[in-house]
């Protein structure tokens, strides 16, 4: 079956409820990434700390995700 999709497995996956399909998709994508490197993990941890600190010090602000996604959809639609 090398290089070919097993259509029975694919159909079973497509018939899963939305949440389970999302979980399956996430796990499949994660399986492609391999093991995270310690350097990458440390860099992300530092980034999170910096962002939290910026928020606490009033140097950054947040926006509701609904607004962010709405704006992103508008930008994408304008490109078409």
C-alpha atoms as a PDB file:
ATOM      1  CA  UNK A   1       0.000   0.000   0.000  1.00  0.00           C
ATOM      2  CA  UNK A   2       3.064   2.244  -0.217  1.00  0.00           C
ATOM      3  CA  UNK A   3       2.175   5.664  -1.625  1.00  0.00           C
ATOM      4  CA  UNK A   4      -1.514   4.842  -1.808  1.00  0.00           C
ATOM      5  CA  UNK A   5      -4.313   5.871   0.484  1.00  0.00           C
ATOM      6  CA  UNK A   6      -6.356   3.063   1.940  1.00  0.00           C
ATOM      7  CA  UNK A   7      -9.793   4.254   0.832  1.00  0.00           C
ATOM      8  CA  UNK A   8     -11.649   2.208   3.452  1.00  0.00           C
ATOM      9  CA  UNK A   9      -9.644   3.889   6.228  1.00  0.00           C
ATOM     10  CA  UNK A  10     -10.139   7.281   4.594  1.00  0.00           C
ATOM     11  CA  UNK A  11     -13.895   6.762   4.372  1.00  0.00           C
ATOM     12  CA  UNK A  12     -14.056   5.659   8.000  1.00  0.00           C
ATOM     13  CA  UNK A  13     -12.118   8.777   9.008  1.00  0.00           C
ATOM     14  CA  UNK A  14     -14.386  11.051   6.968  1.00  0.00           C
ATOM     15  CA  UNK A  15     -17.429   9.547   8.682  1.00  0.00           C
ATOM     16  CA  UNK A  16     -16.168  10.459  12.151  1.00  0.00           C
ATOM     17  CA  UNK A  17     -17.846  13.319  14.041  1.00  0.00           C
ATOM     18  CA  UNK A  18     -16.205  16.707  13.497  1.00  0.00           C
ATOM     19  CA  UNK A  19     -14.352  16.758  16.810  1.00  0.00           C
ATOM     20  CA  UNK A  20     -12.898  13.305  16.270  1.00  0.00           C
ATOM     21  CA  UNK A  21     -11.845  14.193  12.700  1.00  0.00           C
ATOM     22  CA  UNK A  22     -10.093  17.295  14.045  1.00  0.00           C
ATOM     23  CA  UNK A  23      -8.284  15.227  16.678  1.00  0.00           C
ATOM     24  CA  UNK A  24      -7.255  12.669  14.050  1.00  0.00           C
ATOM     25  CA  UNK A  25      -6.014  15.410  11.711  1.00  0.00           C
ATOM     26  CA  UNK A  26      -3.996  16.984  14.516  1.00  0.00           C
ATOM     27  CA  UNK A  27      -2.395  13.688  15.438  1.00  0.00           C
ATOM     28  CA  UNK A  28      -1.567  12.920  11.805  1.00  0.00           C
ATOM     29  CA  UNK A  29       0.065  16.313  11.313  1.00  0.00           C
ATOM     30  CA  UNK A  30       1.965  15.975  14.580  1.00  0.00           C
ATOM     31  CA  UNK A  31       3.240  12.587  13.413  1.00  0.00           C
ATOM     32  CA  UNK A  32       4.875  14.294  10.427  1.00  0.00           C
ATOM     33  CA  UNK A  33       6.784  16.745  12.591  1.00  0.00           C
ATOM     34  CA  UNK A  34       8.802  14.189  14.518  1.00  0.00           C
ATOM     35  CA  UNK A  35      10.066  14.878  18.000  1.00  0.00           C
ATOM     36  CA  UNK A  36      10.297  18.548  18.960  1.00  0.00           C
ATOM     37  CA  UNK A  37      13.833  19.745  19.528  1.00  0.00           C
ATOM     38  CA  UNK A  38      14.762  21.098  22.936  1.00  0.00           C
ATOM     39  CA  UNK A  39      15.982  24.336  21.316  1.00  0.00           C
ATOM     40  CA  UNK A  40      12.619  24.924  19.657  1.00  0.00           C
ATOM     41  CA  UNK A  41      10.744  24.141  22.854  1.00  0.00           C
ATOM     42  CA  UNK A  42      12.973  26.538  24.812  1.00  0.00           C
ATOM     43  CA  UNK A  43      12.507  29.266  22.198  1.00  0.00           C
ATOM     44  CA  UNK A  44       8.710  28.918  22.353  1.00  0.00           C
ATOM     45  CA  UNK A  45       8.773  28.990  26.160  1.00  0.00           C
ATOM     46  CA  UNK A  46      10.821  32.217  26.048  1.00  0.00           C
ATOM     47  CA  UNK A  47       8.413  33.712  23.511  1.00  0.00           C
ATOM     48  CA  UNK A  48       5.430  32.897  25.711  1.00  0.00           C
ATOM     49  CA  UNK A  49       7.140  34.420  28.761  1.00  0.00           C
ATOM     50  CA  UNK A  50       7.980  37.588  26.778  1.00  0.00           C
ATOM     51  CA  UNK A  51       4.429  37.951  25.507  1.00  0.00           C
ATOM     52  CA  UNK A  52       2.882  37.428  28.934  1.00  0.00           C
ATOM     53  CA  UNK A  53       5.267  39.978  30.411  1.00  0.00           C
ATOM     54  CA  UNK A  54       4.413  42.498  27.658  1.00  0.00           C
ATOM     55  CA  UNK A  55       0.702  42.022  28.375  1.00  0.00           C
ATOM     56  CA  UNK A  56       1.167  42.446  32.118  1.00  0.00           C
ATOM     57  CA  UNK A  57       3.225  45.606  31.618  1.00  0.00           C
ATOM     58  CA  UNK A  58       0.669  47.107  29.247  1.00  0.00           C
ATOM     59  CA  UNK A  59       3.071  46.987  26.296  1.00  0.00           C
ATOM     60  CA  UNK A  60       0.762  44.729  24.300  1.00  0.00           C
ATOM     61  CA  UNK A  61      -2.958  44.228  23.988  1.00  0.00           C
ATOM     62  CA  UNK A  62      -5.303  41.467  22.956  1.00  0.00           C
ATOM     63  CA  UNK A  63      -8.216  41.276  20.553  1.00  0.00           C
ATOM     64  CA  UNK A  64     -11.174  38.908  20.560  1.00  0.00           C
ATOM     65  CA  UNK A  65     -10.523  35.950  18.274  1.00  0.00           C
ATOM     66  CA  UNK A  66     -13.818  36.597  16.459  1.00  0.00           C
ATOM     67  CA  UNK A  67     -12.469  40.002  15.383  1.00  0.00           C
ATOM     68  CA  UNK A  68      -9.152  38.544  14.261  1.00  0.00           C
ATOM     69  CA  UNK A  69     -10.809  35.825  12.175  1.00  0.00           C
ATOM     70  CA  UNK A  70     -13.327  38.274  10.690  1.00  0.00           C
ATOM     71  CA  UNK A  71     -10.507  40.579   9.593  1.00  0.00           C
ATOM     72  CA  UNK A  72      -8.516  37.661   8.190  1.00  0.00           C
ATOM     73  CA  UNK A  73     -11.529  36.461   6.169  1.00  0.00           C
ATOM     74  CA  UNK A  74     -12.045  39.958   4.789  1.00  0.00           C
ATOM     75  CA  UNK A  75      -8.399  40.198   3.737  1.00  0.00           C
ATOM     76  CA  UNK A  76      -8.524  36.807   2.066  1.00  0.00           C
ATOM     77  CA  UNK A  77     -11.759  37.680   0.254  1.00  0.00           C
ATOM     78  CA  UNK A  78     -10.226  40.946  -0.995  1.00  0.00           C
ATOM     79  CA  UNK A  79      -7.379  38.968  -2.622  1.00  0.00           C
ATOM     80  CA  UNK A  80      -9.731  36.861  -4.729  1.00  0.00           C
END
